[in-house]
């Protein structure tokens, strides 16, 4: 007996707040305008296969748009509060699990997961060089990874 379930979740957000440093009305840090997840599960007897595709527009951040020097110290000049956006986020995962009943109420589950299938280097934030002239992307620490394991239920 095989069956497939799929679901699509889409979030649309527009959130604003007064920036605590300037008092200016600006997008909130969690203002990720669109977030979409498409999850599919296929069951074939004791075997379950899952896929997940996730997409999100970039969250806002306050960019450094220049520098000024005061008393020999270089200081950043900031753009509008949360006026810039990080690049969009993509990620895809696949997983499988196999359930095997044992005697009594015992069972074993073997499972595996391949996370970030396409090894996307999503940008999570930026850092700047010490002179604030170079913006360097800080990539998500979640590279492609394979997880496997077993669970004993008793």
Protein backbone atom coordinates (compact mmCIF):
# COMPACT_ATOMS: atom_id res chain seq x y z
CA UNK A 1 0.00 0.00 0.00
CA UNK A 2 1.65 3.18 -1.23
CA UNK A 3 0.44 6.69 -0.73
CA UNK A 4 1.81 10.21 -1.15
CA UNK A 5 1.11 13.30 0.92
CA UNK A 6 2.26 16.76 -0.06
CA UNK A 7 1.79 20.15 1.49
CA UNK A 8 2.73 23.67 0.54
CA UNK A 9 3.12 26.40 3.13
CA UNK A 10 3.50 30.01 2.04
CA UNK A 11 4.01 32.88 4.43
CA UNK A 12 3.62 36.50 3.39
CA UNK A 13 4.87 39.04 5.94
CA UNK A 14 5.29 42.77 6.10
CA UNK A 15 6.48 43.93 9.50
CA UNK A 16 7.79 47.30 10.59
CA UNK A 17 9.06 48.89 13.78
CA UNK A 18 10.74 52.01 15.04
CA UNK A 19 14.50 51.51 14.75
CA UNK A 20 15.88 51.62 18.34
CA UNK A 21 18.99 53.61 17.30
CA UNK A 22 17.35 56.25 15.10
CA UNK A 23 13.63 56.14 15.89
CA UNK A 24 12.97 55.83 12.14
CA UNK A 25 10.12 53.60 10.95
CA UNK A 26 11.84 50.65 9.23
CA UNK A 27 11.31 46.99 8.29
CA UNK A 28 11.62 44.68 11.30
CA UNK A 29 14.55 42.26 11.39
CA UNK A 30 12.14 39.34 10.81
CA UNK A 31 10.54 40.93 7.75
CA UNK A 32 11.11 38.00 5.40
CA UNK A 33 8.46 38.93 2.82
CA UNK A 34 7.93 35.48 1.31
CA UNK A 35 8.72 32.08 2.76
CA UNK A 36 7.65 28.89 0.98
CA UNK A 37 8.07 25.25 1.99
CA UNK A 38 6.99 22.32 -0.16
CA UNK A 39 7.05 19.00 1.68
CA UNK A 40 6.30 15.63 0.07
CA UNK A 41 6.07 12.26 1.82
CA UNK A 42 5.77 8.93 0.01
CA UNK A 43 5.06 5.76 1.99
CA UNK A 44 5.73 2.32 0.53
CA UNK A 45 4.88 -0.22 3.22
CA UNK A 46 7.49 0.18 5.97
CA UNK A 47 9.59 2.63 3.92
CA UNK A 48 8.93 6.38 4.05
CA UNK A 49 10.62 8.84 1.67
CA UNK A 50 10.49 12.61 2.22
CA UNK A 51 11.54 15.66 0.24
CA UNK A 52 11.58 19.27 1.35
CA UNK A 53 12.17 22.37 -0.73
CA UNK A 54 12.47 25.69 1.09
CA UNK A 55 12.70 29.22 -0.30
CA UNK A 56 12.70 32.59 1.41
CA UNK A 57 13.33 36.13 0.33
CA UNK A 58 16.24 37.76 2.10
CA UNK A 59 15.77 39.34 5.49
CA UNK A 60 16.54 43.03 5.94
CA UNK A 61 19.79 44.40 7.34
CA UNK A 62 21.42 47.80 7.79
CA UNK A 63 24.20 48.21 5.26
CA UNK A 64 27.39 50.22 5.64
CA UNK A 65 27.42 52.70 2.75
CA UNK A 66 30.64 54.58 3.46
CA UNK A 67 33.16 55.67 6.07
CA UNK A 68 34.29 58.78 7.86
CA UNK A 69 37.49 59.39 9.77
CA UNK A 70 37.53 61.07 13.14
CA UNK A 71 40.78 61.54 15.10
CA UNK A 72 42.51 58.91 12.95
CA UNK A 73 39.79 56.32 13.58
CA UNK A 74 37.72 55.02 10.65
CA UNK A 75 34.02 54.79 11.47
CA UNK A 76 31.23 53.36 9.33
CA UNK A 77 28.43 55.39 7.80
CA UNK A 78 25.21 53.38 7.90
CA UNK A 79 22.45 53.30 5.29
CA UNK A 80 18.76 53.33 6.09
CA UNK A 81 17.85 51.08 9.04
CA UNK A 82 17.15 47.63 7.60
CA UNK A 83 17.10 49.26 4.17
CA UNK A 84 19.00 46.46 2.37
CA UNK A 85 18.16 42.77 2.00
CA UNK A 86 20.21 39.61 2.13
CA UNK A 87 20.09 37.36 -0.96
CA UNK A 88 17.25 34.86 -1.21
CA UNK A 89 17.55 31.53 0.62
CA UNK A 90 17.15 28.10 -1.06
CA UNK A 91 17.51 24.67 0.46
CA UNK A 92 16.42 21.15 -0.44
CA UNK A 93 16.52 18.02 1.73
CA UNK A 94 15.66 14.34 1.22
CA UNK A 95 15.22 11.68 3.86
CA UNK A 96 14.17 8.07 4.24
CA UNK A 97 13.17 5.86 7.13
CA UNK A 98 12.38 2.17 7.42
CA UNK A 99 10.28 0.78 10.26
CA UNK A 100 10.67 -2.87 11.27
CA UNK A 101 8.58 -4.40 14.09
CA UNK A 102 10.38 -6.86 16.35
CA UNK A 103 8.92 -9.18 19.00
CA UNK A 104 6.47 -7.74 21.51
CA UNK A 105 6.26 -3.96 21.44
CA UNK A 106 9.83 -3.58 20.20
CA UNK A 107 10.74 -2.16 16.79
CA UNK A 108 13.70 -0.66 14.98
CA UNK A 109 13.77 2.38 12.72
CA UNK A 110 16.64 2.88 10.28
CA UNK A 111 16.85 6.39 8.87
CA UNK A 112 18.94 8.64 6.70
CA UNK A 113 18.87 12.28 5.65
CA UNK A 114 20.71 14.22 2.97
CA UNK A 115 20.49 17.88 3.96
CA UNK A 116 21.11 20.76 1.58
CA UNK A 117 21.16 18.41 -1.43
CA UNK A 118 22.44 21.04 -3.89
CA UNK A 119 24.99 22.42 -1.39
CA UNK A 120 23.62 25.97 -1.56
CA UNK A 121 25.89 28.53 0.12
CA UNK A 122 23.16 30.72 1.55
CA UNK A 123 24.22 34.10 2.97
CA UNK A 124 23.10 34.52 6.58
CA UNK A 125 24.68 37.93 7.26
CA UNK A 126 27.60 40.15 6.29
CA UNK A 127 30.76 41.26 8.05
CA UNK A 128 33.01 44.11 6.96
CA UNK A 129 36.75 44.52 6.69
CA UNK A 130 38.41 46.57 9.44
CA UNK A 131 38.35 49.66 7.20
CA UNK A 132 34.66 49.03 6.28
CA UNK A 133 35.43 49.11 2.56
CA UNK A 134 34.78 45.44 1.84
CA UNK A 135 31.55 43.61 2.65
CA UNK A 136 32.12 39.88 3.13
CA UNK A 137 29.22 37.40 3.07
CA UNK A 138 28.96 35.02 6.00
CA UNK A 139 27.63 31.76 4.64
CA UNK A 140 25.27 29.43 6.46
CA UNK A 141 27.17 26.72 8.34
CA UNK A 142 24.83 24.07 6.91
CA UNK A 143 26.66 22.56 3.94
CA UNK A 144 25.52 19.35 2.30
CA UNK A 145 25.49 16.67 4.99
CA UNK A 146 24.51 13.03 5.25
CA UNK A 147 23.05 11.73 8.51
CA UNK A 148 22.25 8.06 9.12
CA UNK A 149 21.15 6.24 12.21
CA UNK A 150 19.00 3.68 13.93
CA UNK A 151 16.44 3.92 16.70
CA UNK A 152 15.39 1.01 18.87
CA UNK A 153 11.87 1.27 20.26
CA UNK A 154 11.08 -0.89 23.29
